[in-house]
Amino acid sequence: MIDTGDLTLGVIYLTLEHPYYQAHSGHTQRYAEELGLTLVEIDGKADAAVMASAMEDLIAQGVDGIIFCLIDPAAAVPSIEEAQAAGIPVVTFAIRHGEGAQAPFVGIPESVATEVAGRAAAKRFHETFGADAEAKVATVECPAIQAVVDRADGFIKGFTEEDPNAEVVARVDGECMRDASLAASEDLLLAHPEVNVI
């Protein structure tokens, strides 16, 4: 067991509107309790200004470390450097910080993981609809976040390499939010009723 003493850890989530970060928060809370850490959690609201303010608050509180899931890699650099100048270590999570900041990053190779998913989806498509079925692919993305673009690029690469006859019909902006993504999906399907993979 790690000796955590009276450590306080700040965590800035990308957005607690998203179920992934809600689940991540729940796991973080349980792990912090297990380790005896005090946790200060902040919803970054997918907004670089909110995140910069959150970093300032955590620095002012004198937390012992910060986990930072940022939205804008370049905008995050000054906040990371400010925390480090105050003697607070920072680890970025899920979305890599911009050049200029020297901090550990925890994440996955987004395009590699989704390339595997794209290949699996293409196989599943043809198992379901037949070897000669024509795949018409569309994605709902969040172009504001490079990691999400990498995910979409990886999925499309895997799918089209597995099925070179697949056609990518559209890539639309879901604005990083569930309601906007749903609306974008509905508009997409109205504009492109031929889409059979989304």
C-alpha atoms as a PDB file:
ATOM      1  CA  MET A   1       0.000   0.000   0.000  1.00  0.00           C
ATOM      2  CA  ILE A   2       1.279   3.444  -0.913  1.00  0.00           C
ATOM      3  CA  ASP A   3       1.730   5.798   2.046  1.00  0.00           C
ATOM      4  CA  THR A   4      -0.455   8.711   0.978  1.00  0.00           C
ATOM      5  CA  GLY A   5      -0.323  10.573   4.287  1.00  0.00           C
ATOM      6  CA  ASP A   6      -2.564  13.616   4.061  1.00  0.00           C
ATOM      7  CA  LEU A   7      -2.289  14.081   0.311  1.00  0.00           C
ATOM      8  CA  THR A   8      -4.895  16.019  -1.653  1.00  0.00           C
ATOM      9  CA  LEU A   9      -5.274  15.289  -5.343  1.00  0.00           C
ATOM     10  CA  GLY A  10      -7.038  17.602  -7.790  1.00  0.00           C
ATOM     11  CA  VAL A  11      -8.753  16.100 -10.826  1.00  0.00           C
ATOM     12  CA  ILE A  12     -10.078  18.166 -13.712  1.00  0.00           C
ATOM     13  CA  TYR A  13     -12.358  16.111 -15.955  1.00  0.00           C
ATOM     14  CA  LEU A  14     -12.969  17.010 -19.586  1.00  0.00           C
ATOM     15  CA  THR A  15     -16.723  17.093 -18.956  1.00  0.00           C
ATOM     16  CA  LEU A  16     -18.863  15.360 -16.363  1.00  0.00           C
ATOM     17  CA  GLU A  17     -21.767  15.559 -18.817  1.00  0.00           C
ATOM     18  CA  HIS A  18     -20.275  12.525 -20.583  1.00  0.00           C
ATOM     19  CA  PRO A  19     -20.956   9.037 -19.151  1.00  0.00           C
ATOM     20  CA  TYR A  20     -17.307   8.044 -19.612  1.00  0.00           C
ATOM     21  CA  TYR A  21     -16.124  10.790 -17.274  1.00  0.00           C
ATOM     22  CA  GLN A  22     -18.967  10.096 -14.848  1.00  0.00           C
ATOM     23  CA  ALA A  23     -17.742   6.496 -14.643  1.00  0.00           C
ATOM     24  CA  HIS A  24     -14.145   7.678 -14.389  1.00  0.00           C
ATOM     25  CA  SER A  25     -15.113   9.953 -11.507  1.00  0.00           C
ATOM     26  CA  GLY A  26     -16.783   7.087  -9.674  1.00  0.00           C
ATOM     27  CA  HIS A  27     -13.704   4.875 -10.037  1.00  0.00           C
ATOM     28  CA  THR A  28     -11.412   7.735  -9.011  1.00  0.00           C
ATOM     29  CA  GLN A  29     -13.482   8.369  -5.880  1.00  0.00           C
ATOM     30  CA  ARG A  30     -13.351   4.687  -4.862  1.00  0.00           C
ATOM     31  CA  TYR A  31      -9.599   4.454  -5.490  1.00  0.00           C
ATOM     32  CA  ALA A  32      -8.913   7.691  -3.587  1.00  0.00           C
ATOM     33  CA  GLU A  33     -10.943   6.385  -0.652  1.00  0.00           C
ATOM     34  CA  GLU A  34      -9.022   3.107  -0.727  1.00  0.00           C
ATOM     35  CA  LEU A  35      -5.707   5.030  -0.650  1.00  0.00           C
ATOM     36  CA  GLY A  36      -6.865   7.570   1.910  1.00  0.00           C
ATOM     37  CA  LEU A  37      -6.443  10.510  -0.491  1.00  0.00           C
ATOM     38  CA  THR A  38      -8.509  13.659  -0.302  1.00  0.00           C
ATOM     39  CA  LEU A  39      -9.961  14.319  -3.726  1.00  0.00           C
ATOM     40  CA  VAL A  40     -10.933  17.673  -5.244  1.00  0.00           C
ATOM     41  CA  GLU A  41     -12.876  16.997  -8.452  1.00  0.00           C
ATOM     42  CA  ILE A  42     -13.735  19.715 -10.956  1.00  0.00           C
ATOM     43  CA  ASP A  43     -15.896  19.536 -14.076  1.00  0.00           C
ATOM     44  CA  GLY A  44     -13.931  21.158 -16.902  1.00  0.00           C
ATOM     45  CA  LYS A  45     -17.188  21.539 -18.880  1.00  0.00           C
ATOM     46  CA  ALA A  46     -15.225  20.981 -22.130  1.00  0.00           C
ATOM     47  CA  ASP A  47     -14.178  24.631 -21.897  1.00  0.00           C
ATOM     48  CA  ALA A  48     -10.532  25.761 -21.877  1.00  0.00           C
ATOM     49  CA  ALA A  49     -11.359  28.906 -19.856  1.00  0.00           C
ATOM     50  CA  VAL A  50     -13.174  26.879 -17.182  1.00  0.00           C
ATOM     51  CA  MET A  51     -10.195  24.514 -17.040  1.00  0.00           C
ATOM     52  CA  ALA A  52      -7.685  27.370 -16.674  1.00  0.00           C
ATOM     53  CA  SER A  53      -9.762  28.744 -13.781  1.00  0.00           C
ATOM     54  CA  ALA A  54      -9.938  25.259 -12.231  1.00  0.00           C
ATOM     55  CA  MET A  55      -6.156  24.955 -12.419  1.00  0.00           C
ATOM     56  CA  GLU A  56      -5.798  28.358 -10.707  1.00  0.00           C
ATOM     57  CA  ASP A  57      -8.174  27.215  -7.947  1.00  0.00           C
ATOM     58  CA  LEU A  58      -6.255  23.978  -7.384  1.00  0.00           C
ATOM     59  CA  ILE A  59      -2.947  25.852  -7.286  1.00  0.00           C
ATOM     60  CA  ALA A  60      -4.408  28.325  -4.762  1.00  0.00           C
ATOM     61  CA  GLN A  61      -5.607  25.392  -2.630  1.00  0.00           C
ATOM     62  CA  GLY A  62      -2.080  23.958  -2.673  1.00  0.00           C
ATOM     63  CA  VAL A  63      -3.081  20.458  -3.730  1.00  0.00           C
ATOM     64  CA  ASP A  64      -0.334  17.846  -3.812  1.00  0.00           C
ATOM     65  CA  GLY A  65      -0.901  16.821  -7.422  1.00  0.00           C
ATOM     66  CA  ILE A  66      -3.237  17.370 -10.365  1.00  0.00           C
ATOM     67  CA  ILE A  67      -4.683  15.006 -12.952  1.00  0.00           C
ATOM     68  CA  PHE A  68      -5.734  17.143 -15.884  1.00  0.00           C
ATOM     69  CA  CYS A  69      -7.949  15.974 -18.745  1.00  0.00           C
ATOM     70  CA  LEU A  70      -7.708  19.037 -20.933  1.00  0.00           C
ATOM     71  CA  ILE A  71      -9.581  20.054 -24.067  1.00  0.00           C
ATOM     72  CA  ASP A  72      -7.109  22.402 -25.762  1.00  0.00           C
ATOM     73  CA  PRO A  73      -3.501  21.141 -25.761  1.00  0.00           C
ATOM     74  CA  ALA A  74      -1.925  24.555 -26.446  1.00  0.00           C
ATOM     75  CA  ALA A  75      -4.143  26.468 -24.010  1.00  0.00           C
ATOM     76  CA  ALA A  76      -3.291  23.995 -21.232  1.00  0.00           C
ATOM     77  CA  VAL A  77       0.461  24.640 -21.360  1.00  0.00           C
ATOM     78  CA  PRO A  78       0.537  27.847 -19.242  1.00  0.00           C
ATOM     79  CA  SER A  79      -1.669  26.262 -16.557  1.00  0.00           C
ATOM     80  CA  ILE A  80       0.528  23.175 -16.379  1.00  0.00           C
ATOM     81  CA  GLU A  81       3.661  25.316 -16.118  1.00  0.00           C
ATOM     82  CA  GLU A  82       2.062  27.501 -13.429  1.00  0.00           C
ATOM     83  CA  ALA A  83       1.198  24.448 -11.320  1.00  0.00           C
ATOM     84  CA  GLN A  84       4.678  23.026 -11.735  1.00  0.00           C
ATOM     85  CA  ALA A  85       6.235  26.374 -10.786  1.00  0.00           C
ATOM     86  CA  ALA A  86       4.191  26.142  -7.571  1.00  0.00           C
ATOM     87  CA  GLY A  87       5.701  22.715  -6.932  1.00  0.00           C
ATOM     88  CA  ILE A  88       2.580  20.767  -7.900  1.00  0.00           C
ATOM     89  CA  PRO A  89       3.123  17.784 -10.199  1.00  0.00           C
ATOM     90  CA  VAL A  90       0.682  17.473 -13.106  1.00  0.00           C
ATOM     91  CA  VAL A  91      -0.266  14.407 -15.117  1.00  0.00           C
ATOM     92  CA  THR A  92      -2.371  14.873 -18.240  1.00  0.00           C
ATOM     93  CA  PHE A  93      -4.956  12.253 -19.030  1.00  0.00           C
ATOM     94  CA  ALA A  94      -6.710  11.112 -22.238  1.00  0.00           C
ATOM     95  CA  ILE A  95      -5.785  14.213 -24.269  1.00  0.00           C
ATOM     96  CA  ARG A  96      -2.086  15.012 -24.546  1.00  0.00           C
ATOM     97  CA  HIS A  97      -0.894  18.464 -23.521  1.00  0.00           C
ATOM     98  CA  GLY A  98       0.681  20.792 -26.056  1.00  0.00           C
ATOM     99  CA  GLU A  99       4.337  21.202 -26.852  1.00  0.00           C
ATOM    100  CA  GLY A 100       6.154  23.289 -24.327  1.00  0.00           C
ATOM    101  CA  ALA A 101       4.729  21.539 -21.275  1.00  0.00           C
ATOM    102  CA  GLN A 102       6.834  18.818 -19.704  1.00  0.00           C
ATOM    103  CA  ALA A 103       4.447  16.462 -17.928  1.00  0.00           C
ATOM    104  CA  PRO A 104       3.638  12.756 -17.919  1.00  0.00           C
ATOM    105  CA  PHE A 105       0.717  11.735 -20.116  1.00  0.00           C
ATOM    106  CA  VAL A 106      -1.594   8.772 -19.539  1.00  0.00           C
ATOM    107  CA  GLY A 107      -3.657   7.678 -22.515  1.00  0.00           C
ATOM    108  CA  ILE A 108      -4.021   5.164 -25.280  1.00  0.00           C
ATOM    109  CA  PRO A 109      -2.933   5.341 -28.912  1.00  0.00           C
ATOM    110  CA  GLU A 110      -6.404   6.409 -30.072  1.00  0.00           C
ATOM    111  CA  SER A 111      -6.033   5.663 -33.773  1.00  0.00           C
ATOM    112  CA  VAL A 112      -4.507   2.219 -33.166  1.00  0.00           C
ATOM    113  CA  ALA A 113      -7.341   1.133 -30.863  1.00  0.00           C
ATOM    114  CA  THR A 114     -10.067   2.354 -33.194  1.00  0.00           C
ATOM    115  CA  GLU A 115      -8.386   0.886 -36.253  1.00  0.00           C
ATOM    116  CA  VAL A 116      -8.910  -2.502 -34.627  1.00  0.00           C
ATOM    117  CA  ALA A 117     -12.544  -1.521 -33.960  1.00  0.00           C
ATOM    118  CA  GLY A 118     -12.972  -0.449 -37.591  1.00  0.00           C
ATOM    119  CA  ARG A 119     -11.712  -3.802 -38.860  1.00  0.00           C
ATOM    120  CA  ALA A 120     -14.036  -5.636 -36.469  1.00  0.00           C
ATOM    121  CA  ALA A 121     -16.977  -3.459 -37.564  1.00  0.00           C
ATOM    122  CA  ALA A 122     -16.323  -4.193 -41.240  1.00  0.00           C
ATOM    123  CA  LYS A 123     -16.212  -7.934 -40.538  1.00  0.00           C
ATOM    124  CA  ARG A 124     -19.402  -7.717 -38.507  1.00  0.00           C
ATOM    125  CA  PHE A 125     -21.101  -5.666 -41.223  1.00  0.00           C
ATOM    126  CA  HIS A 126     -20.434  -8.360 -43.833  1.00  0.00           C
ATOM    127  CA  GLU A 127     -21.326 -11.199 -41.465  1.00  0.00           C
ATOM    128  CA  THR A 128     -24.672  -9.469 -40.904  1.00  0.00           C
ATOM    129  CA  PHE A 129     -25.467  -8.147 -44.388  1.00  0.00           C
ATOM    130  CA  GLY A 130     -23.504 -10.484 -46.652  1.00  0.00           C
ATOM    131  CA  ALA A 131     -20.177 -10.486 -48.434  1.00  0.00           C
ATOM    132  CA  ASP A 132     -21.467  -8.389 -51.347  1.00  0.00           C
ATOM    133  CA  ALA A 133     -23.226  -5.708 -49.256  1.00  0.00           C
ATOM    134  CA  GLU A 134     -21.978  -2.172 -49.897  1.00  0.00           C
ATOM    135  CA  ALA A 135     -20.948  -0.358 -46.731  1.00  0.00           C
ATOM    136  CA  LYS A 136     -21.844   3.341 -46.639  1.00  0.00           C
ATOM    137  CA  VAL A 137     -19.982   4.757 -43.635  1.00  0.00           C
ATOM    138  CA  ALA A 138     -20.516   7.985 -41.713  1.00  0.00           C
ATOM    139  CA  THR A 139     -18.994   9.243 -38.475  1.00  0.00           C
ATOM    140  CA  VAL A 140     -20.170  11.714 -35.860  1.00  0.00           C
ATOM    141  CA  GLU A 141     -17.056  13.377 -34.493  1.00  0.00           C
ATOM    142  CA  CYS A 142     -15.711  16.179 -32.343  1.00  0.00           C
ATOM    143  CA  PRO A 143     -13.165  18.010 -34.496  1.00  0.00           C
ATOM    144  CA  ALA A 144     -12.286  20.329 -31.608  1.00  0.00           C
ATOM    145  CA  ILE A 145     -10.477  17.460 -29.861  1.00  0.00           C
ATOM    146  CA  GLN A 146      -7.552  15.868 -31.693  1.00  0.00           C
ATOM    147  CA  ALA A 147      -7.939  12.573 -29.808  1.00  0.00           C
ATOM    148  CA  VAL A 148     -11.477  12.249 -31.175  1.00  0.00           C
ATOM    149  CA  VAL A 149     -10.291  13.010 -34.710  1.00  0.00           C
ATOM    150  CA  ASP A 150      -7.620  10.326 -34.237  1.00  0.00           C
ATOM    151  CA  ARG A 151     -10.323   7.874 -33.143  1.00  0.00           C
ATOM    152  CA  ALA A 152     -12.449   8.586 -36.202  1.00  0.00           C
ATOM    153  CA  ASP A 153      -9.453   8.432 -38.548  1.00  0.00           C
ATOM    154  CA  GLY A 154      -8.405   5.100 -37.046  1.00  0.00           C
ATOM    155  CA  PHE A 155     -11.909   3.638 -37.349  1.00  0.00           C
ATOM    156  CA  ILE A 156     -12.218   4.697 -40.983  1.00  0.00           C
ATOM    157  CA  LYS A 157      -8.733   3.382 -41.789  1.00  0.00           C
ATOM    158  CA  GLY A 158      -9.474   0.001 -40.220  1.00  0.00           C
ATOM    159  CA  PHE A 159     -12.898  -0.286 -41.840  1.00  0.00           C
ATOM    160  CA  THR A 160     -11.764   0.695 -45.336  1.00  0.00           C
ATOM    161  CA  GLU A 161      -8.651  -1.492 -45.204  1.00  0.00           C
ATOM    162  CA  GLU A 162     -10.811  -4.453 -44.221  1.00  0.00           C
ATOM    163  CA  ASP A 163     -13.392  -3.502 -46.875  1.00  0.00           C
ATOM    164  CA  PRO A 164     -11.735  -1.480 -49.671  1.00  0.00           C
ATOM    165  CA  ASN A 165     -15.143  -1.088 -51.376  1.00  0.00           C
ATOM    166  CA  ALA A 166     -16.621   0.763 -48.390  1.00  0.00           C
ATOM    167  CA  GLU A 167     -17.561   4.371 -49.082  1.00  0.00           C
ATOM    168  CA  VAL A 168     -17.144   7.076 -46.448  1.00  0.00           C
ATOM    169  CA  VAL A 169     -20.245   9.171 -47.124  1.00  0.00           C
ATOM    170  CA  ALA A 170     -19.900  11.843 -44.427  1.00  0.00           C
ATOM    171  CA  ARG A 171     -18.022  12.980 -41.336  1.00  0.00           C
ATOM    172  CA  VAL A 172     -20.101  15.376 -39.245  1.00  0.00           C
ATOM    173  CA  ASP A 173     -19.436  17.456 -36.146  1.00  0.00           C
ATOM    174  CA  GLY A 174     -21.260  16.276 -33.022  1.00  0.00           C
ATOM    175  CA  GLU A 175     -19.791  19.211 -31.051  1.00  0.00           C
ATOM    176  CA  CYS A 176     -18.512  16.900 -28.289  1.00  0.00           C
ATOM    177  CA  MET A 177     -21.932  16.725 -26.630  1.00  0.00           C
ATOM    178  CA  ARG A 178     -24.604  14.026 -26.584  1.00  0.00           C
ATOM    179  CA  ASP A 179     -27.574  16.215 -27.596  1.00  0.00           C
ATOM    180  CA  ALA A 180     -25.638  17.862 -30.425  1.00  0.00           C
ATOM    181  CA  SER A 181     -24.350  14.472 -31.582  1.00  0.00           C
ATOM    182  CA  LEU A 182     -27.866  13.053 -31.636  1.00  0.00           C
ATOM    183  CA  ALA A 183     -29.125  16.030 -33.669  1.00  0.00           C
ATOM    184  CA  ALA A 184     -26.137  15.736 -36.037  1.00  0.00           C
ATOM    185  CA  SER A 185     -26.863  12.017 -36.462  1.00  0.00           C
ATOM    186  CA  GLU A 186     -30.511  12.684 -37.280  1.00  0.00           C
ATOM    187  CA  ASP A 187     -29.566  15.360 -39.831  1.00  0.00           C
ATOM    188  CA  LEU A 188     -26.928  13.063 -41.284  1.00  0.00           C
ATOM    189  CA  LEU A 189     -29.387  10.207 -41.776  1.00  0.00           C
ATOM    190  CA  LEU A 190     -31.945  12.539 -43.350  1.00  0.00           C
ATOM    191  CA  ALA A 191     -29.340  13.899 -45.768  1.00  0.00           C
ATOM    192  CA  HIS A 192     -27.781  10.478 -46.461  1.00  0.00           C
ATOM    193  CA  PRO A 193     -30.398   7.739 -46.069  1.00  0.00           C
ATOM    194  CA  GLU A 194     -28.002   5.314 -47.757  1.00  0.00           C
ATOM    195  CA  VAL A 195     -25.740   5.292 -44.670  1.00  0.00           C
ATOM    196  CA  ASN A 196     -25.700   1.831 -43.106  1.00  0.00           C
ATOM    197  CA  VAL A 197     -22.668   2.189 -40.806  1.00  0.00           C
ATOM    198  CA  ILE A 198     -22.461   5.115 -38.390  1.00  0.00           C
END
